[in-house]
Amino acid sequence: MVTITVCVGSSCFLRGAPAVIEAFQGLIQEEASGRVELKGCFCMEKCGNGVSVMIEDRVFPDVRAEDVERVFRAHVLPVLEEKGGCGR
């Protein structure tokens, strides 16, 4: 199981956190259902850097909805492979 946490604090919410969450939800449903947990949190203390996303223990600042697929393929799918396979 891989955990993705998206900041939904005031600044991140206004900078597009709902769209980022929606994009992750779609990819998780299509590619990794049951193997990825998507959570929200209220602050990652990077408020000036756009929407912050944490994958496992690594924080990615300034993630926009259009970045989600790239981030997912580069940083979520490889972790799933390491943890026991990425096949559907």
C-alpha atoms as a PDB file:
ATOM      1  CA  MET A   1       0.000   0.000   0.000  1.00  0.00           C
ATOM      2  CA  VAL A   2       1.275   3.432  -0.973  1.00  0.00           C
ATOM      3  CA  THR A   3      -0.011   6.513   0.828  1.00  0.00           C
ATOM      4  CA  ILE A   4      -0.541   9.784  -1.023  1.00  0.00           C
ATOM      5  CA  THR A   5      -1.374  12.781   1.150  1.00  0.00           C
ATOM      6  CA  VAL A   6      -2.615  16.025  -0.388  1.00  0.00           C
ATOM      7  CA  CYS A   7      -2.590  19.250   1.608  1.00  0.00           C
ATOM      8  CA  VAL A   8      -6.076  20.762   1.816  1.00  0.00           C
ATOM      9  CA  GLY A   9      -5.198  23.709   4.038  1.00  0.00           C
ATOM     10  CA  SER A  10      -6.473  27.150   3.037  1.00  0.00           C
ATOM     11  CA  SER A  11      -3.602  28.094   0.735  1.00  0.00           C
ATOM     12  CA  CYS A  12      -3.412  24.721  -1.015  1.00  0.00           C
ATOM     13  CA  PHE A  13      -7.194  24.526  -1.289  1.00  0.00           C
ATOM     14  CA  LEU A  14      -7.297  27.886  -3.048  1.00  0.00           C
ATOM     15  CA  ARG A  15      -4.394  26.889  -5.306  1.00  0.00           C
ATOM     16  CA  GLY A  16      -6.174  23.798  -6.635  1.00  0.00           C
ATOM     17  CA  ALA A  17      -6.061  20.969  -4.097  1.00  0.00           C
ATOM     18  CA  PRO A  18      -9.582  19.749  -5.052  1.00  0.00           C
ATOM     19  CA  ALA A  19      -8.527  19.315  -8.703  1.00  0.00           C
ATOM     20  CA  VAL A  20      -5.311  17.553  -7.644  1.00  0.00           C
ATOM     21  CA  ILE A  21      -7.307  15.162  -5.463  1.00  0.00           C
ATOM     22  CA  GLU A  22      -9.760  14.470  -8.281  1.00  0.00           C
ATOM     23  CA  ALA A  23      -6.906  13.713 -10.685  1.00  0.00           C
ATOM     24  CA  PHE A  24      -5.272  11.318  -8.206  1.00  0.00           C
ATOM     25  CA  GLN A  25      -8.627   9.620  -7.549  1.00  0.00           C
ATOM     26  CA  GLY A  26      -9.068   8.920 -11.253  1.00  0.00           C
ATOM     27  CA  LEU A  27      -5.588   7.459 -11.664  1.00  0.00           C
ATOM     28  CA  ILE A  28      -5.881   5.372  -8.521  1.00  0.00           C
ATOM     29  CA  GLN A  29      -9.200   3.950  -9.694  1.00  0.00           C
ATOM     30  CA  GLU A  30      -7.780   3.134 -13.149  1.00  0.00           C
ATOM     31  CA  GLU A  31      -4.311   1.920 -12.208  1.00  0.00           C
ATOM     32  CA  ALA A  32      -4.000   1.019  -8.543  1.00  0.00           C
ATOM     33  CA  SER A  33      -7.376   0.396  -6.941  1.00  0.00           C
ATOM     34  CA  GLY A  34      -6.974  -1.054  -3.467  1.00  0.00           C
ATOM     35  CA  ARG A  35      -3.222  -0.459  -3.450  1.00  0.00           C
ATOM     36  CA  VAL A  36      -3.072   3.291  -2.846  1.00  0.00           C
ATOM     37  CA  GLU A  37      -4.513   5.253   0.064  1.00  0.00           C
ATOM     38  CA  LEU A  38      -5.367   8.885  -0.708  1.00  0.00           C
ATOM     39  CA  LYS A  39      -5.585  11.172   2.314  1.00  0.00           C
ATOM     40  CA  GLY A  40      -5.840  14.857   3.059  1.00  0.00           C
ATOM     41  CA  CYS A  41      -4.035  16.885   5.694  1.00  0.00           C
ATOM     42  CA  PHE A  42      -4.245  20.496   6.749  1.00  0.00           C
ATOM     43  CA  CYS A  43      -0.685  21.753   6.406  1.00  0.00           C
ATOM     44  CA  MET A  44       2.711  20.602   5.192  1.00  0.00           C
ATOM     45  CA  GLU A  45       4.236  24.002   6.004  1.00  0.00           C
ATOM     46  CA  LYS A  46       5.016  24.809   2.361  1.00  0.00           C
ATOM     47  CA  CYS A  47       2.131  27.235   1.902  1.00  0.00           C
ATOM     48  CA  GLY A  48       3.930  29.548  -0.508  1.00  0.00           C
ATOM     49  CA  ASN A  49       4.726  26.744  -2.934  1.00  0.00           C
ATOM     50  CA  GLY A  50       1.309  25.728  -4.272  1.00  0.00           C
ATOM     51  CA  VAL A  51      -0.402  22.420  -3.532  1.00  0.00           C
ATOM     52  CA  SER A  52       1.846  20.075  -1.572  1.00  0.00           C
ATOM     53  CA  VAL A  53       1.616  16.325  -2.063  1.00  0.00           C
ATOM     54  CA  MET A  54       3.399  13.716   0.042  1.00  0.00           C
ATOM     55  CA  ILE A  55       4.043  10.257  -1.385  1.00  0.00           C
ATOM     56  CA  GLU A  56       5.197   8.004   1.409  1.00  0.00           C
ATOM     57  CA  ASP A  57       7.743  10.289   3.135  1.00  0.00           C
ATOM     58  CA  ARG A  58       8.639  12.566   0.211  1.00  0.00           C
ATOM     59  CA  VAL A  59       6.967  15.964  -0.242  1.00  0.00           C
ATOM     60  CA  PHE A  60       6.341  17.418  -3.701  1.00  0.00           C
ATOM     61  CA  PRO A  61       5.503  21.141  -3.623  1.00  0.00           C
ATOM     62  CA  ASP A  62       3.576  23.058  -6.286  1.00  0.00           C
ATOM     63  CA  VAL A  63       1.674  20.113  -7.783  1.00  0.00           C
ATOM     64  CA  ARG A  64      -1.050  21.098 -10.228  1.00  0.00           C
ATOM     65  CA  ALA A  65      -3.781  18.849 -11.632  1.00  0.00           C
ATOM     66  CA  GLU A  66      -1.900  18.651 -14.924  1.00  0.00           C
ATOM     67  CA  ASP A  67       1.187  17.353 -13.051  1.00  0.00           C
ATOM     68  CA  VAL A  68      -0.605  14.503 -11.289  1.00  0.00           C
ATOM     69  CA  GLU A  69      -0.235  11.837 -13.977  1.00  0.00           C
ATOM     70  CA  ARG A  70       3.504  12.509 -14.320  1.00  0.00           C
ATOM     71  CA  VAL A  71       3.982  12.436 -10.534  1.00  0.00           C
ATOM     72  CA  PHE A  72       1.874   9.264 -10.228  1.00  0.00           C
ATOM     73  CA  ARG A  73       3.810   7.405 -12.933  1.00  0.00           C
ATOM     74  CA  ALA A  74       7.224   8.580 -11.739  1.00  0.00           C
ATOM     75  CA  HIS A  75       6.777   8.267  -7.976  1.00  0.00           C
ATOM     76  CA  VAL A  76       3.788   6.057  -7.114  1.00  0.00           C
ATOM     77  CA  LEU A  77       3.937   3.201  -9.626  1.00  0.00           C
ATOM     78  CA  PRO A  78       7.637   2.477  -8.941  1.00  0.00           C
ATOM     79  CA  VAL A  79       6.929   2.240  -5.195  1.00  0.00           C
ATOM     80  CA  LEU A  80       4.051  -0.152  -5.891  1.00  0.00           C
ATOM     81  CA  GLU A  81       6.396  -2.287  -7.977  1.00  0.00           C
ATOM     82  CA  GLU A  82       8.938  -2.363  -5.138  1.00  0.00           C
ATOM     83  CA  LYS A  83       6.215  -3.375  -2.689  1.00  0.00           C
ATOM     84  CA  GLY A  84       5.039  -6.355  -4.638  1.00  0.00           C
ATOM     85  CA  GLY A  85       4.123  -5.776  -8.228  1.00  0.00           C
ATOM     86  CA  CYS A  86       2.228  -3.284 -10.252  1.00  0.00           C
ATOM     87  CA  GLY A  87       0.068  -5.554 -12.384  1.00  0.00           C
ATOM     88  CA  ARG A  88      -3.675  -5.232 -12.316  1.00  0.00           C
END
